[in-house]
C-alpha atoms as a PDB file:
ATOM      1  CA  UNK A   1       4.854 -15.158 -26.856  1.00  0.00           C
ATOM      2  CA  UNK A   2       4.393 -14.006 -30.352  1.00  0.00           C
ATOM      3  CA  UNK A   3       1.312 -13.800 -32.132  1.00  0.00           C
ATOM      4  CA  UNK A   4      -0.233 -14.155 -35.440  1.00  0.00           C
ATOM      5  CA  UNK A   5      -3.320 -12.627 -36.997  1.00  0.00           C
ATOM      6  CA  UNK A   6      -5.975 -14.007 -39.724  1.00  0.00           C
ATOM      7  CA  UNK A   7      -9.701 -12.817 -40.500  1.00  0.00           C
ATOM      8  CA  UNK A   8      -9.728 -10.889 -37.479  1.00  0.00           C
ATOM      9  CA  UNK A   9      -8.298 -14.025 -35.286  1.00  0.00           C
ATOM     10  CA  UNK A  10      -4.824 -13.988 -32.851  1.00  0.00           C
ATOM     11  CA  UNK A  11      -2.741 -17.016 -32.207  1.00  0.00           C
ATOM     12  CA  UNK A  12       0.022 -17.176 -29.519  1.00  0.00           C
ATOM     13  CA  UNK A  13       2.587 -19.304 -30.813  1.00  0.00           C
ATOM     14  CA  UNK A  14       5.335 -21.118 -28.856  1.00  0.00           C
ATOM     15  CA  UNK A  15       8.598 -23.190 -29.413  1.00  0.00           C
ATOM     16  CA  UNK A  16       8.816 -26.694 -27.998  1.00  0.00           C
ATOM     17  CA  UNK A  17      12.949 -27.598 -27.766  1.00  0.00           C
ATOM     18  CA  UNK A  18      12.142 -31.065 -26.473  1.00  0.00           C
ATOM     19  CA  UNK A  19       9.043 -31.621 -29.733  1.00  0.00           C
ATOM     20  CA  UNK A  20      11.624 -29.419 -32.093  1.00  0.00           C
ATOM     21  CA  UNK A  21       8.025 -27.880 -33.107  1.00  0.00           C
ATOM     22  CA  UNK A  22       6.112 -24.477 -33.034  1.00  0.00           C
ATOM     23  CA  UNK A  23       3.002 -24.813 -31.420  1.00  0.00           C
ATOM     24  CA  UNK A  24      -0.058 -22.085 -31.256  1.00  0.00           C
ATOM     25  CA  UNK A  25      -3.507 -21.854 -30.328  1.00  0.00           C
ATOM     26  CA  UNK A  26      -6.337 -19.451 -31.458  1.00  0.00           C
ATOM     27  CA  UNK A  27      -6.847 -16.632 -28.723  1.00  0.00           C
ATOM     28  CA  UNK A  28      -9.998 -14.987 -27.817  1.00  0.00           C
ATOM     29  CA  UNK A  29     -12.283 -17.712 -28.371  1.00  0.00           C
ATOM     30  CA  UNK A  30     -14.373 -20.267 -25.969  1.00  0.00           C
ATOM     31  CA  UNK A  31     -12.832 -23.527 -27.478  1.00  0.00           C
ATOM     32  CA  UNK A  32      -9.247 -24.487 -27.230  1.00  0.00           C
ATOM     33  CA  UNK A  33      -7.924 -24.813 -30.909  1.00  0.00           C
ATOM     34  CA  UNK A  34      -4.175 -25.872 -31.615  1.00  0.00           C
ATOM     35  CA  UNK A  35      -2.020 -25.809 -34.505  1.00  0.00           C
ATOM     36  CA  UNK A  36       1.526 -26.742 -35.097  1.00  0.00           C
ATOM     37  CA  UNK A  37       4.239 -26.600 -37.876  1.00  0.00           C
ATOM     38  CA  UNK A  38       7.958 -27.616 -38.388  1.00  0.00           C
ATOM     39  CA  UNK A  39       8.709 -24.018 -39.367  1.00  0.00           C
ATOM     40  CA  UNK A  40       6.952 -20.630 -39.623  1.00  0.00           C
ATOM     41  CA  UNK A  41       5.591 -21.620 -43.293  1.00  0.00           C
ATOM     42  CA  UNK A  42       4.124 -24.904 -42.000  1.00  0.00           C
ATOM     43  CA  UNK A  43       3.043 -22.977 -38.634  1.00  0.00           C
ATOM     44  CA  UNK A  44       0.762 -20.635 -40.403  1.00  0.00           C
ATOM     45  CA  UNK A  45      -0.332 -22.368 -42.871  1.00  0.00           C
ATOM     46  CA  UNK A  46      -1.892 -24.380 -40.116  1.00  0.00           C
ATOM     47  CA  UNK A  47      -2.937 -21.465 -38.338  1.00  0.00           C
ATOM     48  CA  UNK A  48      -5.347 -20.293 -41.294  1.00  0.00           C
ATOM     49  CA  UNK A  49      -6.462 -23.608 -41.822  1.00  0.00           C
ATOM     50  CA  UNK A  50      -7.129 -24.049 -37.860  1.00  0.00           C
ATOM     51  CA  UNK A  51      -9.249 -20.833 -38.301  1.00  0.00           C
ATOM     52  CA  UNK A  52     -11.287 -21.563 -41.354  1.00  0.00           C
ATOM     53  CA  UNK A  53     -11.736 -24.881 -39.681  1.00  0.00           C
ATOM     54  CA  UNK A  54     -13.195 -22.840 -36.644  1.00  0.00           C
ATOM     55  CA  UNK A  55     -15.174 -20.553 -38.296  1.00  0.00           C
ATOM     56  CA  UNK A  56     -17.163 -23.661 -40.669  1.00  0.00           C
ATOM     57  CA  UNK A  57     -17.475 -25.516 -37.479  1.00  0.00           C
ATOM     58  CA  UNK A  58     -19.160 -22.362 -35.738  1.00  0.00           C
ATOM     59  CA  UNK A  59     -21.246 -21.787 -38.905  1.00  0.00           C
ATOM     60  CA  UNK A  60     -22.545 -25.757 -38.675  1.00  0.00           C
ATOM     61  CA  UNK A  61     -23.536 -25.034 -34.924  1.00  0.00           C
ATOM     62  CA  UNK A  62     -25.135 -21.720 -35.599  1.00  0.00           C
ATOM     63  CA  UNK A  63     -23.364 -20.322 -32.722  1.00  0.00           C
ATOM     64  CA  UNK A  64     -20.613 -16.770 -32.498  1.00  0.00           C
ATOM     65  CA  UNK A  65     -17.099 -17.736 -33.217  1.00  0.00           C
ATOM     66  CA  UNK A  66     -15.952 -14.959 -30.962  1.00  0.00           C
ATOM     67  CA  UNK A  67     -16.261 -15.057 -27.369  1.00  0.00           C
ATOM     68  CA  UNK A  68     -18.448 -12.767 -25.558  1.00  0.00           C
ATOM     69  CA  UNK A  69     -16.947 -10.675 -22.670  1.00  0.00           C
ATOM     70  CA  UNK A  70     -18.528  -9.219 -19.379  1.00  0.00           C
ATOM     71  CA  UNK A  71     -16.372  -6.314 -19.330  1.00  0.00           C
ATOM     72  CA  UNK A  72     -15.240  -7.245 -15.556  1.00  0.00           C
ATOM     73  CA  UNK A  73     -12.081  -8.059 -14.778  1.00  0.00           C
ATOM     74  CA  UNK A  74     -11.433  -8.907 -10.880  1.00  0.00           C
ATOM     75  CA  UNK A  75      -7.849  -7.671 -10.122  1.00  0.00           C
ATOM     76  CA  UNK A  76      -5.807  -7.978  -7.044  1.00  0.00           C
ATOM     77  CA  UNK A  77      -2.981  -5.930  -7.025  1.00  0.00           C
ATOM     78  CA  UNK A  78       0.085  -5.238  -4.385  1.00  0.00           C
ATOM     79  CA  UNK A  79      -1.360  -2.636  -1.732  1.00  0.00           C
ATOM     80  CA  UNK A  80       1.562  -0.478  -2.632  1.00  0.00           C
ATOM     81  CA  UNK A  81       1.030  -0.121  -6.024  1.00  0.00           C
ATOM     82  CA  UNK A  82      -3.073   0.367  -5.350  1.00  0.00           C
ATOM     83  CA  UNK A  83      -1.959   3.435  -3.559  1.00  0.00           C
ATOM     84  CA  UNK A  84       0.228   4.594  -6.416  1.00  0.00           C
ATOM     85  CA  UNK A  85      -2.501   4.138  -9.044  1.00  0.00           C
ATOM     86  CA  UNK A  86      -4.978   5.762  -6.847  1.00  0.00           C
ATOM     87  CA  UNK A  87      -2.994   8.733  -6.490  1.00  0.00           C
ATOM     88  CA  UNK A  88      -2.191   8.906 -10.311  1.00  0.00           C
ATOM     89  CA  UNK A  89      -5.800   8.748 -11.468  1.00  0.00           C
ATOM     90  CA  UNK A  90      -6.817  11.519  -8.126  1.00  0.00           C
ATOM     91  CA  UNK A  91      -4.199  13.376  -9.841  1.00  0.00           C
ATOM     92  CA  UNK A  92      -5.782  13.076 -13.302  1.00  0.00           C
ATOM     93  CA  UNK A  93      -9.258  13.571 -11.977  1.00  0.00           C
ATOM     94  CA  UNK A  94     -10.034   9.951 -12.595  1.00  0.00           C
ATOM     95  CA  UNK A  95     -11.896   7.059 -10.777  1.00  0.00           C
ATOM     96  CA  UNK A  96      -9.305   4.478 -10.565  1.00  0.00           C
ATOM     97  CA  UNK A  97     -11.413   2.260 -12.960  1.00  0.00           C
ATOM     98  CA  UNK A  98     -11.348   5.126 -15.710  1.00  0.00           C
ATOM     99  CA  UNK A  99      -7.433   5.745 -15.109  1.00  0.00           C
ATOM    100  CA  UNK A 100      -6.888   1.507 -15.487  1.00  0.00           C
ATOM    101  CA  UNK A 101      -9.437   1.208 -18.578  1.00  0.00           C
ATOM    102  CA  UNK A 102      -7.805   3.926 -20.139  1.00  0.00           C
ATOM    103  CA  UNK A 103      -3.947   2.843 -19.043  1.00  0.00           C
ATOM    104  CA  UNK A 104      -5.116  -1.231 -20.367  1.00  0.00           C
ATOM    105  CA  UNK A 105      -6.220   0.731 -24.092  1.00  0.00           C
ATOM    106  CA  UNK A 106      -3.090   2.037 -24.066  1.00  0.00           C
ATOM    107  CA  UNK A 107      -1.194  -0.702 -23.418  1.00  0.00           C
ATOM    108  CA  UNK A 108      -3.287  -2.880 -25.919  1.00  0.00           C
ATOM    109  CA  UNK A 109      -3.546  -0.551 -28.819  1.00  0.00           C
ATOM    110  CA  UNK A 110      -1.308  -2.154 -31.131  1.00  0.00           C
ATOM    111  CA  UNK A 111      -3.910  -5.320 -31.098  1.00  0.00           C
ATOM    112  CA  UNK A 112      -6.571  -3.466 -32.271  1.00  0.00           C
ATOM    113  CA  UNK A 113     -10.223  -4.452 -32.282  1.00  0.00           C
ATOM    114  CA  UNK A 114     -10.415  -7.641 -34.159  1.00  0.00           C
ATOM    115  CA  UNK A 115     -13.659  -8.523 -32.493  1.00  0.00           C
ATOM    116  CA  UNK A 116     -16.890  -6.850 -34.105  1.00  0.00           C
ATOM    117  CA  UNK A 117     -18.597  -6.617 -30.543  1.00  0.00           C
ATOM    118  CA  UNK A 118     -16.077  -4.711 -29.366  1.00  0.00           C
ATOM    119  CA  UNK A 119     -16.854  -1.963 -31.858  1.00  0.00           C
ATOM    120  CA  UNK A 120     -20.786  -2.322 -31.132  1.00  0.00           C
ATOM    121  CA  UNK A 121     -20.251  -1.582 -27.695  1.00  0.00           C
ATOM    122  CA  UNK A 122     -19.674   1.527 -25.876  1.00  0.00           C
ATOM    123  CA  UNK A 123     -16.711   1.206 -22.918  1.00  0.00           C
ATOM    124  CA  UNK A 124     -18.673   1.075 -19.928  1.00  0.00           C
ATOM    125  CA  UNK A 125     -15.877   2.549 -17.629  1.00  0.00           C
ATOM    126  CA  UNK A 126     -16.633   4.729 -14.718  1.00  0.00           C
ATOM    127  CA  UNK A 127     -17.147   8.441 -15.600  1.00  0.00           C
ATOM    128  CA  UNK A 128     -14.210  10.728 -14.672  1.00  0.00           C
ATOM    129  CA  UNK A 129     -14.359  12.207 -10.961  1.00  0.00           C
ATOM    130  CA  UNK A 130     -15.784  15.898 -10.988  1.00  0.00           C
ATOM    131  CA  UNK A 131     -12.720  18.367  -9.723  1.00  0.00           C
ATOM    132  CA  UNK A 132     -14.484  19.690  -6.945  1.00  0.00           C
ATOM    133  CA  UNK A 133     -14.750  16.233  -5.622  1.00  0.00           C
ATOM    134  CA  UNK A 134     -10.749  16.010  -5.838  1.00  0.00           C
ATOM    135  CA  UNK A 135     -10.541  19.451  -4.594  1.00  0.00           C
ATOM    136  CA  UNK A 136     -12.491  18.865  -1.285  1.00  0.00           C
ATOM    137  CA  UNK A 137     -10.281  15.739  -0.677  1.00  0.00           C
ATOM    138  CA  UNK A 138      -6.990  17.825  -1.023  1.00  0.00           C
ATOM    139  CA  UNK A 139      -8.370  20.293   1.186  1.00  0.00           C
ATOM    140  CA  UNK A 140      -9.538  17.719   4.016  1.00  0.00           C
ATOM    141  CA  UNK A 141      -5.648  16.419   3.777  1.00  0.00           C
ATOM    142  CA  UNK A 142      -4.119  19.941   4.359  1.00  0.00           C
END
């Protein structure tokens, strides 16, 4: 999936072979806002128009256009992957939560912060593990 950006909003784009048209939607908002175009120029224009309309509508309704997030992500993964993550976190003297937050930050760094609220609130990831905790675990296993 390709994405485009305008005024801090990102749009996901897909091609419909059946309709022979490019379809897109604005990401990171509480509403569903779609746009489309027969070619890239039409798609970009439709995206900008959709963002401008969405911002104007939110202003009329007196609400913020960006979705707010709780900072919690329920995550279910394969037990083997869970074990590898726990070992990697322990090797870095971090909690699993902190290690995953760092991995997600690294994986999404090219997206940047398009949401003003993201800049206003500090990350609430778990504090790193103390070295003594990691050492005591190693002694118990040995």
